[in-house]
Amino acid sequence: MGKKRISRGKFEKMQQLSNNDGVIAALAIDQRGSMVKMMETAVGPDKYSVDMVYEFKELVSEELTKYVSAILLDEQYGFKGMAAKNPNSGLIMSYEKTGYDVSTPGRLPELLPDESCQRLLKKGADAAKVLVYYNPDEPKEILEKKHAFLERLGDEARTADIPVFVEPIVYDNEITDDHSPEFAKIKPKKVIDTIKEFTKDKYHIDVLKVEVPVLFKYVEGYTENGDPAVYTQEEAAAYFKEASDAATRPFIYLSAGVPTKTFQDELKFAAKHGAKYSGILGGRATWREGVPAYAKGGKEELVRWLDTKGKENVDALNDILKGATPWYEAYGGLDNIEVFDLNTAE
C-alpha cells in the first residue's frame, strides 16, 4: 500500500489543533441556545443580559486555552472568546445552525447562511465543525438528504483546504428519552452504524466527534442513584472496541453534558479496552460549574474558579489523554503520510 495523501492546509491545521503527542485535547464551548438558558437560570431572568454569555465564553477561553490544544467556539456568542484565546491553541468554529426545524421530519441539518469554509478560514479557524442529528434507522429518503449534505460539506472543506469535524448525535424516533435504560439498549448499534457510515472516504470527514457507544451511567460498577445496570463491563468494553474498530478515520469523544467524573471514567475505560480515540472535545464536563460561580460572584469569582477547579478539570483530562492515540495513526503514522500542496496537485 502507498502513502496516504493529505493536503498541506489540512495537515498543518490538524497539527495546530493537536498537542505534542498528536492528540486533540480540545475544549468545547460553542453552546448557543442552551448556554443562554443555563446563564439565565443561574443569574435569574431579571438580571440576565446577553453580555454575560459573551463575557463567560471570553473568560473561559482566555483562562483555559493556556492548557488545551484547541477550543471550539461559535461566532454568535463566542466572538470575544475567539479574540481572547491563547495564540498557541487551535480554533474550531461551529458552522451549523443550532437546533433543527421541528415541523420537518428527520431533524435535517442546516449550515449558517452567512458562513462558508472560506469565510471561517479568514476568521482564523483551523477547522469547521458541523453537528448532524443522525438515526441510521431512518427512512432512506431522510438518510439520503443527510448523506448528500455531508458529501457537499466534505467537498467544500477540501476546496478551502480546512479540516472538517462532524459531530453525529444519534437518536431514535420511537424511544425519545435518550437518557433512558430503553435507549441505552439500542444506542451501541446506532453509534457503531453511524461511525461505519461517516468514516467512508466519500464524505472526506477529517475527524468524527462521536458519543461514547454506551450510556455510561448504566454500566455495571458505574451506576448511581438506583439506576439499573443495562450493560456488564464486558459488554460495554466490547462496544467501545467495536465502535473504535469501525472507524477508518480519526475520531474523538464529546462529553455529552455528563458529569466531570463520568467523562473521566469513560475516557479511562475506553483506553483500557482498546478504543483508539484521538482525543476529546469536552465541554460542560469541564466548565459547567463555572456558571454558578459566575452568577454568584461575577468576573472575579469565575476567574478564580477557572484558575483552580477549571484548570484541575483540564489537567485531569490531559493526564487521561496520555492513553489516547495520535490522530495520524489512523493514516498509518506520520511516516505514511504524503503532504501535498492543493494548488499544485495534479
C-alpha atoms as a PDB file:
ATOM      1  CA  MET A   1       0.000   0.000   0.000  1.00  0.00           C
ATOM      2  CA  GLY A   2       1.173   3.521  -0.849  1.00  0.00           C
ATOM      3  CA  LYS A   3       1.293   6.512   1.428  1.00  0.00           C
ATOM      4  CA  LYS A   4      -1.897   8.298   2.462  1.00  0.00           C
ATOM      5  CA  ARG A   5      -2.089  11.742   0.902  1.00  0.00           C
ATOM      6  CA  ILE A   6      -3.197  14.800   2.897  1.00  0.00           C
ATOM      7  CA  SER A   7      -3.228  18.391   1.682  1.00  0.00           C
ATOM      8  CA  ARG A   8      -0.793  20.751   3.377  1.00  0.00           C
ATOM      9  CA  GLY A   9      -3.523  23.027   4.732  1.00  0.00           C
ATOM     10  CA  LYS A  10      -5.376  20.174   6.386  1.00  0.00           C
ATOM     11  CA  PHE A  11      -2.199  18.567   7.724  1.00  0.00           C
ATOM     12  CA  GLU A  12      -0.798  21.745   9.252  1.00  0.00           C
ATOM     13  CA  LYS A  13      -4.127  22.660  10.822  1.00  0.00           C
ATOM     14  CA  MET A  14      -4.579  19.166  12.279  1.00  0.00           C
ATOM     15  CA  GLN A  15      -1.160  19.547  13.900  1.00  0.00           C
ATOM     16  CA  GLN A  16      -2.125  23.001  15.186  1.00  0.00           C
ATOM     17  CA  LEU A  17      -5.266  21.503  16.776  1.00  0.00           C
ATOM     18  CA  SER A  18      -3.282  18.712  18.467  1.00  0.00           C
ATOM     19  CA  ASN A  19      -0.876  18.606  21.380  1.00  0.00           C
ATOM     20  CA  ASN A  20       2.756  17.481  21.094  1.00  0.00           C
ATOM     21  CA  ASP A  21       1.598  13.843  21.158  1.00  0.00           C
ATOM     22  CA  GLY A  22      -0.711  14.294  18.150  1.00  0.00           C
ATOM     23  CA  VAL A  23      -3.774  14.123  20.418  1.00  0.00           C
ATOM     24  CA  ILE A  24      -6.662  16.603  20.149  1.00  0.00           C
ATOM     25  CA  ALA A  25      -7.046  17.851  23.725  1.00  0.00           C
ATOM     26  CA  ALA A  26      -9.766  20.372  22.969  1.00  0.00           C
ATOM     27  CA  LEU A  27     -12.359  22.358  24.880  1.00  0.00           C
ATOM     28  CA  ALA A  28     -15.891  22.867  23.536  1.00  0.00           C
ATOM     29  CA  ILE A  29     -17.919  25.935  24.397  1.00  0.00           C
ATOM     30  CA  ASP A  30     -20.000  26.506  21.276  1.00  0.00           C
ATOM     31  CA  GLN A  31     -23.341  26.023  23.013  1.00  0.00           C
ATOM     32  CA  ARG A  32     -25.770  28.717  21.932  1.00  0.00           C
ATOM     33  CA  GLY A  33     -29.419  28.418  22.982  1.00  0.00           C
ATOM     34  CA  SER A  34     -28.561  26.017  25.817  1.00  0.00           C
ATOM     35  CA  MET A  35     -25.826  28.391  27.059  1.00  0.00           C
ATOM     36  CA  VAL A  36     -28.305  31.278  27.201  1.00  0.00           C
ATOM     37  CA  LYS A  37     -30.756  29.115  29.177  1.00  0.00           C
ATOM     38  CA  MET A  38     -28.003  27.956  31.529  1.00  0.00           C
ATOM     39  CA  MET A  39     -26.921  31.512  32.265  1.00  0.00           C
ATOM     40  CA  GLU A  40     -30.465  32.861  32.558  1.00  0.00           C
ATOM     41  CA  THR A  41     -31.359  30.121  35.037  1.00  0.00           C
ATOM     42  CA  ALA A  42     -28.209  30.758  37.078  1.00  0.00           C
ATOM     43  CA  VAL A  43     -28.496  34.552  37.401  1.00  0.00           C
ATOM     44  CA  GLY A  44     -32.289  34.842  37.186  1.00  0.00           C
ATOM     45  CA  PRO A  45     -34.311  36.282  34.266  1.00  0.00           C
ATOM     46  CA  ASP A  46     -34.382  39.762  35.831  1.00  0.00           C
ATOM     47  CA  LYS A  47     -30.587  40.084  35.996  1.00  0.00           C
ATOM     48  CA  TYR A  48     -29.747  38.206  32.791  1.00  0.00           C
ATOM     49  CA  SER A  49     -28.083  40.007  29.900  1.00  0.00           C
ATOM     50  CA  VAL A  50     -26.557  38.502  26.744  1.00  0.00           C
ATOM     51  CA  ASP A  51     -23.332  40.319  27.642  1.00  0.00           C
ATOM     52  CA  MET A  52     -22.939  37.759  30.440  1.00  0.00           C
ATOM     53  CA  VAL A  53     -22.746  34.933  27.869  1.00  0.00           C
ATOM     54  CA  TYR A  54     -20.183  36.902  25.848  1.00  0.00           C
ATOM     55  CA  GLU A  55     -18.094  37.510  28.957  1.00  0.00           C
ATOM     56  CA  PHE A  56     -18.394  33.941  30.232  1.00  0.00           C
ATOM     57  CA  LYS A  57     -17.129  32.491  26.951  1.00  0.00           C
ATOM     58  CA  GLU A  58     -14.401  35.129  26.785  1.00  0.00           C
ATOM     59  CA  LEU A  59     -13.087  34.283  30.261  1.00  0.00           C
ATOM     60  CA  VAL A  60     -13.305  30.507  29.778  1.00  0.00           C
ATOM     61  CA  SER A  61     -11.349  30.867  26.542  1.00  0.00           C
ATOM     62  CA  GLU A  62      -8.796  33.285  27.985  1.00  0.00           C
ATOM     63  CA  GLU A  63      -8.037  31.174  31.058  1.00  0.00           C
ATOM     64  CA  LEU A  64      -8.379  27.587  29.836  1.00  0.00           C
ATOM     65  CA  THR A  65      -6.809  27.762  26.355  1.00  0.00           C
ATOM     66  CA  LYS A  66      -3.469  28.021  28.155  1.00  0.00           C
ATOM     67  CA  TYR A  67      -3.885  24.297  28.917  1.00  0.00           C
ATOM     68  CA  VAL A  68      -5.723  22.822  25.887  1.00  0.00           C
ATOM     69  CA  SER A  69      -4.633  22.181  22.317  1.00  0.00           C
ATOM     70  CA  ALA A  70      -7.739  23.787  20.774  1.00  0.00           C
ATOM     71  CA  ILE A  71     -11.093  25.389  21.532  1.00  0.00           C
ATOM     72  CA  LEU A  72     -14.443  25.070  19.759  1.00  0.00           C
ATOM     73  CA  LEU A  73     -16.421  28.322  19.662  1.00  0.00           C
ATOM     74  CA  ASP A  74     -19.408  29.782  17.863  1.00  0.00           C
ATOM     75  CA  GLU A  75     -19.106  33.287  16.460  1.00  0.00           C
ATOM     76  CA  GLN A  76     -22.594  34.351  17.589  1.00  0.00           C
ATOM     77  CA  TYR A  77     -21.848  34.249  21.322  1.00  0.00           C
ATOM     78  CA  GLY A  78     -18.160  33.370  21.297  1.00  0.00           C
ATOM     79  CA  PHE A  79     -16.618  36.185  19.233  1.00  0.00           C
ATOM     80  CA  LYS A  80     -14.957  37.636  22.352  1.00  0.00           C
ATOM     81  CA  GLY A  81     -13.741  34.151  23.260  1.00  0.00           C
ATOM     82  CA  MET A  82     -12.162  33.826  19.810  1.00  0.00           C
ATOM     83  CA  ALA A  83     -10.258  37.078  20.321  1.00  0.00           C
ATOM     84  CA  ALA A  84      -9.179  36.117  23.865  1.00  0.00           C
ATOM     85  CA  LYS A  85      -7.842  32.597  23.208  1.00  0.00           C
ATOM     86  CA  ASN A  86      -4.195  31.685  23.657  1.00  0.00           C
ATOM     87  CA  PRO A  87      -2.420  32.012  20.258  1.00  0.00           C
ATOM     88  CA  ASN A  88      -0.892  28.536  20.658  1.00  0.00           C
ATOM     89  CA  SER A  89      -4.341  26.978  20.900  1.00  0.00           C
ATOM     90  CA  GLY A  90      -6.122  25.959  17.691  1.00  0.00           C
ATOM     91  CA  LEU A  91      -9.579  27.299  16.815  1.00  0.00           C
ATOM     92  CA  ILE A  92     -12.516  25.164  15.686  1.00  0.00           C
ATOM     93  CA  MET A  93     -15.605  27.127  14.627  1.00  0.00           C
ATOM     94  CA  SER A  94     -19.229  25.989  14.517  1.00  0.00           C
ATOM     95  CA  TYR A  95     -20.645  26.019  11.005  1.00  0.00           C
ATOM     96  CA  GLU A  96     -24.158  24.663  11.585  1.00  0.00           C
ATOM     97  CA  LYS A  97     -27.309  26.464  12.653  1.00  0.00           C
ATOM     98  CA  THR A  98     -28.196  25.468  16.193  1.00  0.00           C
ATOM     99  CA  GLY A  99     -31.174  23.130  16.707  1.00  0.00           C
ATOM    100  CA  TYR A 100     -33.430  21.888  13.906  1.00  0.00           C
ATOM    101  CA  ASP A 101     -36.826  22.592  12.374  1.00  0.00           C
ATOM    102  CA  VAL A 102     -39.288  20.539  14.440  1.00  0.00           C
ATOM    103  CA  SER A 103     -42.001  20.895  11.773  1.00  0.00           C
ATOM    104  CA  THR A 104     -39.940  18.928   9.235  1.00  0.00           C
ATOM    105  CA  PRO A 105     -39.355  15.186   9.753  1.00  0.00           C
ATOM    106  CA  GLY A 106     -35.797  13.931  10.159  1.00  0.00           C
ATOM    107  CA  ARG A 107     -34.022  16.676  12.155  1.00  0.00           C
ATOM    108  CA  LEU A 108     -32.363  17.908   8.976  1.00  0.00           C
ATOM    109  CA  PRO A 109     -29.083  19.845   9.317  1.00  0.00           C
ATOM    110  CA  GLU A 110     -28.572  23.379   8.046  1.00  0.00           C
ATOM    111  CA  LEU A 111     -25.435  25.479   7.736  1.00  0.00           C
ATOM    112  CA  LEU A 112     -25.184  29.091   8.888  1.00  0.00           C
ATOM    113  CA  PRO A 113     -26.424  31.063   5.864  1.00  0.00           C
ATOM    114  CA  ASP A 114     -23.777  33.801   6.133  1.00  0.00           C
ATOM    115  CA  GLU A 115     -20.782  31.476   6.561  1.00  0.00           C
ATOM    116  CA  SER A 116     -18.618  29.291   4.338  1.00  0.00           C
ATOM    117  CA  CYS A 117     -15.435  27.307   4.880  1.00  0.00           C
ATOM    118  CA  GLN A 118     -13.555  30.102   3.097  1.00  0.00           C
ATOM    119  CA  ARG A 119     -15.008  32.678   5.488  1.00  0.00           C
ATOM    120  CA  LEU A 120     -14.260  30.606   8.580  1.00  0.00           C
ATOM    121  CA  LEU A 121     -10.677  30.261   7.362  1.00  0.00           C
ATOM    122  CA  LYS A 122     -10.362  34.030   7.003  1.00  0.00           C
ATOM    123  CA  LYS A 123     -11.663  34.437  10.563  1.00  0.00           C
ATOM    124  CA  GLY A 124      -8.787  32.323  11.848  1.00  0.00           C
ATOM    125  CA  ALA A 125     -10.459  28.901  12.068  1.00  0.00           C
ATOM    126  CA  ASP A 126      -8.247  25.807  11.944  1.00  0.00           C
ATOM    127  CA  ALA A 127     -11.313  23.590  11.418  1.00  0.00           C
ATOM    128  CA  ALA A 128     -15.054  23.799  10.781  1.00  0.00           C
ATOM    129  CA  LYS A 129     -17.408  21.770  12.985  1.00  0.00           C
ATOM    130  CA  VAL A 130     -20.856  20.591  11.926  1.00  0.00           C
ATOM    131  CA  LEU A 131     -23.323  18.774  14.192  1.00  0.00           C
ATOM    132  CA  VAL A 132     -25.742  16.388  12.495  1.00  0.00           C
ATOM    133  CA  TYR A 133     -28.556  14.511  14.221  1.00  0.00           C
ATOM    134  CA  TYR A 134     -28.402  11.002  12.828  1.00  0.00           C
ATOM    135  CA  ASN A 135     -30.583   7.942  13.172  1.00  0.00           C
ATOM    136  CA  PRO A 136     -29.202   5.150  10.973  1.00  0.00           C
ATOM    137  CA  ASP A 137     -32.654   3.512  11.103  1.00  0.00           C
ATOM    138  CA  GLU A 138     -34.473   6.458   9.488  1.00  0.00           C
ATOM    139  CA  PRO A 139     -36.279   6.036   6.150  1.00  0.00           C
ATOM    140  CA  LYS A 140     -33.930   6.008   3.155  1.00  0.00           C
ATOM    141  CA  GLU A 141     -35.101   9.379   1.788  1.00  0.00           C
ATOM    142  CA  ILE A 142     -34.103  11.153   5.025  1.00  0.00           C
ATOM    143  CA  LEU A 143     -30.745   9.377   5.202  1.00  0.00           C
ATOM    144  CA  GLU A 144     -30.024  10.295   1.581  1.00  0.00           C
ATOM    145  CA  LYS A 145     -30.560  14.004   2.356  1.00  0.00           C
ATOM    146  CA  LYS A 146     -28.091  13.834   5.247  1.00  0.00           C
ATOM    147  CA  HIS A 147     -25.561  11.824   3.255  1.00  0.00           C
ATOM    148  CA  ALA A 148     -25.706  14.297   0.343  1.00  0.00           C
ATOM    149  CA  PHE A 149     -25.425  17.219   2.787  1.00  0.00           C
ATOM    150  CA  LEU A 150     -22.218  15.772   4.262  1.00  0.00           C
ATOM    151  CA  GLU A 151     -20.788  14.940   0.822  1.00  0.00           C
ATOM    152  CA  ARG A 152     -21.231  18.609  -0.154  1.00  0.00           C
ATOM    153  CA  LEU A 153     -19.691  19.731   3.132  1.00  0.00           C
ATOM    154  CA  GLY A 154     -16.683  17.461   2.630  1.00  0.00           C
ATOM    155  CA  ASP A 155     -16.110  18.789  -0.882  1.00  0.00           C
ATOM    156  CA  GLU A 156     -16.384  22.401   0.297  1.00  0.00           C
ATOM    157  CA  ALA A 157     -13.825  21.805   3.065  1.00  0.00           C
ATOM    158  CA  ARG A 158     -11.440  20.123   0.591  1.00  0.00           C
ATOM    159  CA  THR A 159     -11.615  23.098  -1.740  1.00  0.00           C
ATOM    160  CA  ALA A 160     -10.977  25.535   1.133  1.00  0.00           C
ATOM    161  CA  ASP A 161      -8.216  23.244   2.451  1.00  0.00           C
ATOM    162  CA  ILE A 162      -9.549  23.208   6.011  1.00  0.00           C
ATOM    163  CA  PRO A 163     -10.265  20.163   8.213  1.00  0.00           C
ATOM    164  CA  VAL A 164     -13.919  19.406   8.895  1.00  0.00           C
ATOM    165  CA  PHE A 165     -15.113  17.888  12.175  1.00  0.00           C
ATOM    166  CA  VAL A 166     -18.513  16.199  12.018  1.00  0.00           C
ATOM    167  CA  GLU A 167     -20.474  15.535  15.202  1.00  0.00           C
ATOM    168  CA  PRO A 168     -23.218  12.937  14.618  1.00  0.00           C
ATOM    169  CA  ILE A 169     -25.660  12.755  17.544  1.00  0.00           C
ATOM    170  CA  VAL A 170     -27.748   9.579  17.425  1.00  0.00           C
ATOM    171  CA  TYR A 171     -31.440   9.431  18.245  1.00  0.00           C
ATOM    172  CA  ASP A 172     -34.478   7.201  17.812  1.00  0.00           C
ATOM    173  CA  ASN A 173     -37.963   8.081  16.606  1.00  0.00           C
ATOM    174  CA  GLU A 174     -39.738   5.685  18.980  1.00  0.00           C
ATOM    175  CA  ILE A 175     -37.631   5.952  22.155  1.00  0.00           C
ATOM    176  CA  THR A 176     -37.346   9.704  22.524  1.00  0.00           C
ATOM    177  CA  ASP A 177     -35.783   9.806  26.001  1.00  0.00           C
ATOM    178  CA  ASP A 178     -32.104   9.424  25.112  1.00  0.00           C
ATOM    179  CA  HIS A 179     -31.115   9.142  28.781  1.00  0.00           C
ATOM    180  CA  SER A 180     -33.386   6.160  29.475  1.00  0.00           C
ATOM    181  CA  PRO A 181     -32.435   2.498  30.012  1.00  0.00           C
ATOM    182  CA  GLU A 182     -34.501   1.678  26.899  1.00  0.00           C
ATOM    183  CA  PHE A 183     -32.378   3.999  24.769  1.00  0.00           C
ATOM    184  CA  ALA A 184     -29.223   2.616  26.413  1.00  0.00           C
ATOM    185  CA  LYS A 185     -30.042  -0.798  24.907  1.00  0.00           C
ATOM    186  CA  ILE A 186     -30.248   0.472  21.321  1.00  0.00           C
ATOM    187  CA  LYS A 187     -27.541   3.152  21.462  1.00  0.00           C
ATOM    188  CA  PRO A 188     -24.437   0.988  20.820  1.00  0.00           C
ATOM    189  CA  LYS A 189     -25.638  -0.284  17.434  1.00  0.00           C
ATOM    190  CA  LYS A 190     -26.700   3.207  16.373  1.00  0.00           C
ATOM    191  CA  VAL A 191     -23.316   4.712  17.262  1.00  0.00           C
ATOM    192  CA  ILE A 192     -21.398   1.878  15.578  1.00  0.00           C
ATOM    193  CA  ASP A 193     -23.526   2.047  12.389  1.00  0.00           C
ATOM    194  CA  THR A 194     -23.050   5.828  12.310  1.00  0.00           C
ATOM    195  CA  ILE A 195     -19.264   5.534  12.602  1.00  0.00           C
ATOM    196  CA  LYS A 196     -19.208   2.917   9.828  1.00  0.00           C
ATOM    197  CA  GLU A 197     -21.096   5.273   7.540  1.00  0.00           C
ATOM    198  CA  PHE A 198     -19.274   8.528   8.159  1.00  0.00           C
ATOM    199  CA  THR A 199     -15.719   7.213   8.064  1.00  0.00           C
ATOM    200  CA  LYS A 200     -16.321   6.247   4.407  1.00  0.00           C
ATOM    201  CA  ASP A 201     -13.919   8.076   2.089  1.00  0.00           C
ATOM    202  CA  LYS A 202     -16.680   9.725   0.049  1.00  0.00           C
ATOM    203  CA  TYR A 203     -17.513  12.143   2.890  1.00  0.00           C
ATOM    204  CA  HIS A 204     -13.932  13.410   3.327  1.00  0.00           C
ATOM    205  CA  ILE A 205     -14.586  13.957   7.051  1.00  0.00           C
ATOM    206  CA  ASP A 206     -11.272  14.623   8.794  1.00  0.00           C
ATOM    207  CA  VAL A 207     -12.378  13.984  12.381  1.00  0.00           C
ATOM    208  CA  LEU A 208     -15.533  12.368  13.735  1.00  0.00           C
ATOM    209  CA  LYS A 209     -16.622  13.853  17.055  1.00  0.00           C
ATOM    210  CA  VAL A 210     -18.644  10.962  18.460  1.00  0.00           C
ATOM    211  CA  GLU A 211     -20.518   9.928  21.551  1.00  0.00           C
ATOM    212  CA  VAL A 212     -19.192   7.010  23.558  1.00  0.00           C
ATOM    213  CA  PRO A 213     -21.182   3.971  22.356  1.00  0.00           C
ATOM    214  CA  VAL A 214     -22.964   3.321  25.661  1.00  0.00           C
ATOM    215  CA  LEU A 215     -24.880   5.352  28.227  1.00  0.00           C
ATOM    216  CA  PHE A 216     -22.149   5.043  30.798  1.00  0.00           C
ATOM    217  CA  LYS A 217     -24.346   5.558  33.851  1.00  0.00           C
ATOM    218  CA  TYR A 218     -25.895   2.150  33.075  1.00  0.00           C
ATOM    219  CA  VAL A 219     -22.582   0.241  33.029  1.00  0.00           C
ATOM    220  CA  GLU A 220     -22.267  -2.287  35.843  1.00  0.00           C
ATOM    221  CA  GLY A 221     -19.997  -0.890  38.556  1.00  0.00           C
ATOM    222  CA  TYR A 222     -20.587   2.729  37.481  1.00  0.00           C
ATOM    223  CA  THR A 223     -24.294   3.072  38.255  1.00  0.00           C
ATOM    224  CA  GLU A 224     -25.575   5.596  40.814  1.00  0.00           C
ATOM    225  CA  ASN A 225     -28.895   6.845  42.197  1.00  0.00           C
ATOM    226  CA  GLY A 226     -30.582   3.460  41.821  1.00  0.00           C
ATOM    227  CA  ASP A 227     -30.048   3.295  38.045  1.00  0.00           C
ATOM    228  CA  PRO A 228     -30.172  -0.260  36.645  1.00  0.00           C
ATOM    229  CA  ALA A 229     -27.136  -1.894  35.040  1.00  0.00           C
ATOM    230  CA  VAL A 230     -28.037  -2.260  31.353  1.00  0.00           C
ATOM    231  CA  TYR A 231     -24.559  -3.459  30.351  1.00  0.00           C
ATOM    232  CA  THR A 232     -21.972  -5.648  32.067  1.00  0.00           C
ATOM    233  CA  GLN A 233     -18.458  -4.195  31.972  1.00  0.00           C
ATOM    234  CA  GLU A 234     -17.515  -6.874  29.425  1.00  0.00           C
ATOM    235  CA  GLU A 235     -20.394  -5.846  27.135  1.00  0.00           C
ATOM    236  CA  ALA A 236     -19.523  -2.153  27.434  1.00  0.00           C
ATOM    237  CA  ALA A 237     -15.855  -2.911  26.707  1.00  0.00           C
ATOM    238  CA  ALA A 238     -16.828  -4.862  23.583  1.00  0.00           C
ATOM    239  CA  TYR A 239     -18.971  -1.944  22.333  1.00  0.00           C
ATOM    240  CA  PHE A 240     -16.107   0.539  22.822  1.00  0.00           C
ATOM    241  CA  LYS A 241     -13.746  -1.743  20.898  1.00  0.00           C
ATOM    242  CA  GLU A 242     -16.250  -2.451  18.102  1.00  0.00           C
ATOM    243  CA  ALA A 243     -17.018   1.257  17.651  1.00  0.00           C
ATOM    244  CA  SER A 244     -13.305   2.055  17.545  1.00  0.00           C
ATOM    245  CA  ASP A 245     -12.545  -0.748  15.072  1.00  0.00           C
ATOM    246  CA  ALA A 246     -15.325   0.537  12.787  1.00  0.00           C
ATOM    247  CA  ALA A 247     -13.565   3.907  12.366  1.00  0.00           C
ATOM    248  CA  THR A 248     -11.202   4.287   9.425  1.00  0.00           C
ATOM    249  CA  ARG A 249     -10.536   7.951  10.207  1.00  0.00           C
ATOM    250  CA  PRO A 250      -9.576   9.786  13.419  1.00  0.00           C
ATOM    251  CA  PHE A 251     -12.358  10.092  15.995  1.00  0.00           C
ATOM    252  CA  ILE A 252     -12.625  11.977  19.261  1.00  0.00           C
ATOM    253  CA  TYR A 253     -15.163  11.819  22.083  1.00  0.00           C
ATOM    254  CA  LEU A 254     -17.581  14.510  23.160  1.00  0.00           C
ATOM    255  CA  SER A 255     -18.659  14.845  26.781  1.00  0.00           C
ATOM    256  CA  ALA A 256     -22.424  14.991  26.039  1.00  0.00           C
ATOM    257  CA  GLY A 257     -23.045  17.012  29.187  1.00  0.00           C
ATOM    258  CA  VAL A 258     -22.213  14.165  31.577  1.00  0.00           C
ATOM    259  CA  PRO A 259     -20.702  14.987  34.990  1.00  0.00           C
ATOM    260  CA  THR A 260     -16.944  15.607  35.109  1.00  0.00           C
ATOM    261  CA  LYS A 261     -16.128  12.316  36.865  1.00  0.00           C
ATOM    262  CA  THR A 262     -18.292  10.305  34.444  1.00  0.00           C
ATOM    263  CA  PHE A 263     -16.473  11.762  31.437  1.00  0.00           C
ATOM    264  CA  GLN A 264     -13.122  10.940  33.015  1.00  0.00           C
ATOM    265  CA  ASP A 265     -14.302   7.384  33.760  1.00  0.00           C
ATOM    266  CA  GLU A 266     -15.482   6.976  30.147  1.00  0.00           C
ATOM    267  CA  LEU A 267     -12.103   8.005  28.752  1.00  0.00           C
ATOM    268  CA  LYS A 268     -10.150   5.728  31.097  1.00  0.00           C
ATOM    269  CA  PHE A 269     -12.488   2.834  30.292  1.00  0.00           C
ATOM    270  CA  ALA A 270     -12.161   3.468  26.534  1.00  0.00           C
ATOM    271  CA  ALA A 271      -8.353   3.426  26.585  1.00  0.00           C
ATOM    272  CA  LYS A 272      -8.231   0.383  28.859  1.00  0.00           C
ATOM    273  CA  HIS A 273     -10.396  -1.613  26.465  1.00  0.00           C
ATOM    274  CA  GLY A 274      -8.637  -0.803  23.210  1.00  0.00           C
ATOM    275  CA  ALA A 275     -10.569   2.182  21.857  1.00  0.00           C
ATOM    276  CA  LYS A 276      -8.123   4.152  19.699  1.00  0.00           C
ATOM    277  CA  TYR A 277      -9.692   7.571  20.149  1.00  0.00           C
ATOM    278  CA  SER A 278      -7.556  10.562  19.164  1.00  0.00           C
ATOM    279  CA  GLY A 279      -8.684  12.961  21.865  1.00  0.00           C
ATOM    280  CA  ILE A 280     -11.713  14.878  23.033  1.00  0.00           C
ATOM    281  CA  LEU A 281     -13.846  17.925  22.533  1.00  0.00           C
ATOM    282  CA  GLY A 282     -15.050  18.167  26.105  1.00  0.00           C
ATOM    283  CA  GLY A 283     -17.486  20.888  27.053  1.00  0.00           C
ATOM    284  CA  ARG A 284     -19.799  21.102  30.026  1.00  0.00           C
ATOM    285  CA  ALA A 285     -17.910  18.375  31.909  1.00  0.00           C
ATOM    286  CA  THR A 286     -15.040  20.878  32.130  1.00  0.00           C
ATOM    287  CA  TRP A 287     -16.667  24.287  32.691  1.00  0.00           C
ATOM    288  CA  ARG A 288     -20.295  23.768  33.761  1.00  0.00           C
ATOM    289  CA  GLU A 289     -19.666  24.510  37.465  1.00  0.00           C
ATOM    290  CA  GLY A 290     -18.207  27.843  36.415  1.00  0.00           C
ATOM    291  CA  VAL A 291     -21.706  29.111  35.526  1.00  0.00           C
ATOM    292  CA  PRO A 292     -22.997  29.229  39.144  1.00  0.00           C
ATOM    293  CA  ALA A 293     -19.622  30.672  40.221  1.00  0.00           C
ATOM    294  CA  TYR A 294     -20.071  33.483  37.693  1.00  0.00           C
ATOM    295  CA  ALA A 295     -23.697  34.010  38.722  1.00  0.00           C
ATOM    296  CA  LYS A 296     -22.637  34.280  42.360  1.00  0.00           C
ATOM    297  CA  GLY A 297     -19.552  36.489  42.141  1.00  0.00           C
ATOM    298  CA  GLY A 298     -19.231  37.813  38.601  1.00  0.00           C
ATOM    299  CA  LYS A 299     -15.998  38.022  36.660  1.00  0.00           C
ATOM    300  CA  GLU A 300     -13.652  37.765  39.658  1.00  0.00           C
ATOM    301  CA  GLU A 301     -15.333  34.645  41.037  1.00  0.00           C
ATOM    302  CA  LEU A 302     -15.347  32.959  37.624  1.00  0.00           C
ATOM    303  CA  VAL A 303     -11.652  33.680  37.030  1.00  0.00           C
ATOM    304  CA  ARG A 304     -10.882  32.285  40.488  1.00  0.00           C
ATOM    305  CA  TRP A 305     -12.904  29.141  39.692  1.00  0.00           C
ATOM    306  CA  LEU A 306     -11.296  28.711  36.240  1.00  0.00           C
ATOM    307  CA  ASP A 307      -7.775  29.105  37.636  1.00  0.00           C
ATOM    308  CA  THR A 308      -8.422  26.462  40.310  1.00  0.00           C
ATOM    309  CA  LYS A 309     -11.199  23.935  39.642  1.00  0.00           C
ATOM    310  CA  GLY A 310     -11.407  24.593  35.902  1.00  0.00           C
ATOM    311  CA  LYS A 311      -7.673  24.087  35.497  1.00  0.00           C
ATOM    312  CA  GLU A 312      -7.862  20.943  37.659  1.00  0.00           C
ATOM    313  CA  ASN A 313     -10.552  19.530  35.352  1.00  0.00           C
ATOM    314  CA  VAL A 314      -8.426  20.226  32.268  1.00  0.00           C
ATOM    315  CA  ASP A 315      -5.258  18.858  33.883  1.00  0.00           C
ATOM    316  CA  ALA A 316      -7.084  15.653  34.834  1.00  0.00           C
ATOM    317  CA  LEU A 317      -8.300  15.200  31.247  1.00  0.00           C
ATOM    318  CA  ASN A 318      -4.853  15.961  29.805  1.00  0.00           C
ATOM    319  CA  ASP A 319      -3.410  13.296  32.074  1.00  0.00           C
ATOM    320  CA  ILE A 320      -6.011  10.733  30.958  1.00  0.00           C
ATOM    321  CA  LEU A 321      -5.361  11.663  27.300  1.00  0.00           C
ATOM    322  CA  LYS A 322      -1.884  10.198  27.588  1.00  0.00           C
ATOM    323  CA  GLY A 323      -3.754   6.957  26.831  1.00  0.00           C
ATOM    324  CA  ALA A 324      -5.192   8.353  23.563  1.00  0.00           C
ATOM    325  CA  THR A 325      -3.948   7.562  20.044  1.00  0.00           C
ATOM    326  CA  PRO A 326      -2.382  10.284  17.833  1.00  0.00           C
ATOM    327  CA  TRP A 327      -4.738  11.384  15.040  1.00  0.00           C
ATOM    328  CA  TYR A 328      -2.240  10.420  12.334  1.00  0.00           C
ATOM    329  CA  GLU A 329      -2.190   6.765  13.434  1.00  0.00           C
ATOM    330  CA  ALA A 330      -5.475   6.392  11.528  1.00  0.00           C
ATOM    331  CA  TYR A 331      -3.344   7.032   8.422  1.00  0.00           C
ATOM    332  CA  GLY A 332      -0.635   4.571   9.433  1.00  0.00           C
ATOM    333  CA  GLY A 333       1.565   7.117  11.232  1.00  0.00           C
ATOM    334  CA  LEU A 334       3.410  10.283  10.212  1.00  0.00           C
ATOM    335  CA  ASP A 335       5.865   8.324   8.058  1.00  0.00           C
ATOM    336  CA  ASN A 336       2.950   7.020   5.990  1.00  0.00           C
ATOM    337  CA  ILE A 337       1.559  10.478   5.194  1.00  0.00           C
ATOM    338  CA  GLU A 338       2.423  12.315   1.993  1.00  0.00           C
ATOM    339  CA  VAL A 339       1.638  16.025   2.314  1.00  0.00           C
ATOM    340  CA  PHE A 340       0.790  17.754  -0.963  1.00  0.00           C
ATOM    341  CA  ASP A 341       0.078  21.345  -1.908  1.00  0.00           C
ATOM    342  CA  LEU A 342      -3.506  21.752  -3.062  1.00  0.00           C
ATOM    343  CA  ASN A 343      -2.731  24.458  -5.639  1.00  0.00           C
ATOM    344  CA  THR A 344      -0.059  22.382  -7.356  1.00  0.00           C
ATOM    345  CA  ALA A 345      -1.794  18.990  -7.016  1.00  0.00           C
ATOM    346  CA  GLU A 346      -2.459  17.071 -10.203  1.00  0.00           C
END
